[in-house]
Amino acid sequence: MDNSTDDEIEDEFQIEQFLYEVEEEFNNPFLHFPSPSPSPSSSSSSQDQPNAIAIAPPSEFTFNTSIASLHTYLGDVEDTRHRTAFLDGGAILNIPLFCLQGVVLFPGATLPLRVTVSRFVTAIERALSQVDVPYTIGVIRVRRGTGSFTMKAASIGTTAVIRQYARLEDGSLNVVTRGQQRFHLRRCWNDVDGVPYGEIQIIEEDLPLRTPRDAFGKSASSCNMLCRRVEMHRLKNGETDSKANSDEGFDSELSPMDRKIHLSGSASDMMDVLANSSDQEIRSNLDSSIGICSTSGKQSSKEELHRCYKNKPTHIISKAFLPHWVYRMYDSYWLAQKAADMWKQIVGVPSMDSLIKKPDVLSFHIASKIPVSESTRQELLDIDGIVYRLRREIELLETIDFIRCRICQTTIAKRSDMLVMSNEGPLGAYVNPGGYVHEIMTLYKANGLALIGPAVTEYSWFPGYAWTIANCATCRAQMGWLFTTTNKKLRPDAFWGIRSCQLAEEIRRNV
């Protein structure tokens, strides 16, 4: 989300010095691509007729999606054949730092770089030769503050391992990196040579967990066991029946959260208690003794709650009364399966089946490919915990309906219009000749866009396709490009590439 918080590092001088993109380049509406002079006829007609090219749903697909992920437009790059080992959580180190606009790098995601500025070339060379963590740089997202020109850097970034690179005749570098581990940015500075560095602390990630087998699914005898336990406790302390059955006597034996549930008095009230309770309270409750209310697996959570309250006195409520869905909220593997199933229904490819047994990897993989705004992607990177990241991703997959312009809120496309043109998914990072990195999502259909200028084949991210600049027809902001085939054998004939940094933030709903 686009909120200014204490978690963002604000230092106008330092961040401007760290920013790789040149200010003039960032303000160029054509985004540093070679700017061919558009013919008056093509320019005016395309502006007067948004979406002048009608694109039918791709009934036939012949494009090799593995080509786009190779970034062949960078030319020949040499494989470093280096694989950096994972660093221990909590480790603090200094590494060259790249602050990028419009980019959120996740562990496991590919990030291409075109390095043309001399001090950033030096930063890559330092990274290749450093002893502690060779072939590693830090990548962090920066954005402009609301209503100001001050740059703000996120406090969470990702280390990137240099997998491929090539030095060009003019001294610039083409580099392909891969995200490795999340980190906290502690501080940043430029050394005497102007090379940007950051002091980072590696984030220690949690391990995926399953719901304990004995957390639910017990037989109804658990109810009797609890009743006997209460009765034994009463007799042991020589309590009278009147005292044992009093609210005061029973309440004293309950945890704070159990007391809230006990006093709620109904299933609907209990749901309110759970909704208003913190995750820490729920987890504490789950760690307590086994509950009284077993289920057959055929009833809904609401029915189970009503059944338990109907059949048992109000004062006989166990600490593990919670239904299955509460436990599953903290089952990494169950959430991973649900997220993978939803991805398959909505996006289709690439398949997540091979990652279901690795919920941590799957959570980052979905976060790096899910077609959402740049700010929402940063939100996903900031989340600590596999369970919480997966739950947020499931929420997004359930609620993403429309893709809208960030500036004027015009609806550009629907979720069903997404098209996968790379084996990495419907969203990926690409770099242009000026060194600016774009994260784009691909769509087979888009609305409200005006084409600017003729189609250009030079430096196309998708071999066999020419690109044409596409602006929002309402506010004139550049939304991305239309890619049209130059090879009659390629299918689809055309598709759109929309910049994630130009997408409106997703509306958060209660689901």
Foldseek 3Di string as FASTA:
>chain_A
DQDDDPQWDFDQVFVQLQEQFDPVQVPPLVNPFPDDDFDPVQFVVLLVDPCPDDFDPFPDFDADQALLVVQCLVPDWDFPPDDWDDDAAFDKDKAFEHEAEQDAAFAFAKAKWWFDDVLVLVRQVCQCPDDPTHQKYKYWYWDAHPPDRTIITGQKTFIWGWGIKDADPNGIMITMIGTRFMWGFPDWDAPPVSGIMTIIGTHHADAAAAQPPQLAQDDLCLQVVLVVVLVVVCVVVPHDPVLSPDPVNLLVPDDPLVNQCLVLLALVSNVVSVVPDDPVVLVVLSPDDHWNQHDPVPDDQSVSRRVVSVPDPSSSTHSSSHDPVSSVLRRLLSLLVLLQVLCCVQFNPDHCVVCSVPLVVSLRLCLQAPQFAPVVSVVLSPDHHSSVSSVVSSQCSVAQFFWAFAPPRHTWGTSNQFDNSHNSHQWHWDAHNSGHIFIWGKGSGTPQKGWRRDWAQNSDSRPQWTWTFIARSPPRRTFFTKIAGPDPPRPPRIITIGTSNRTHHGDRDDD
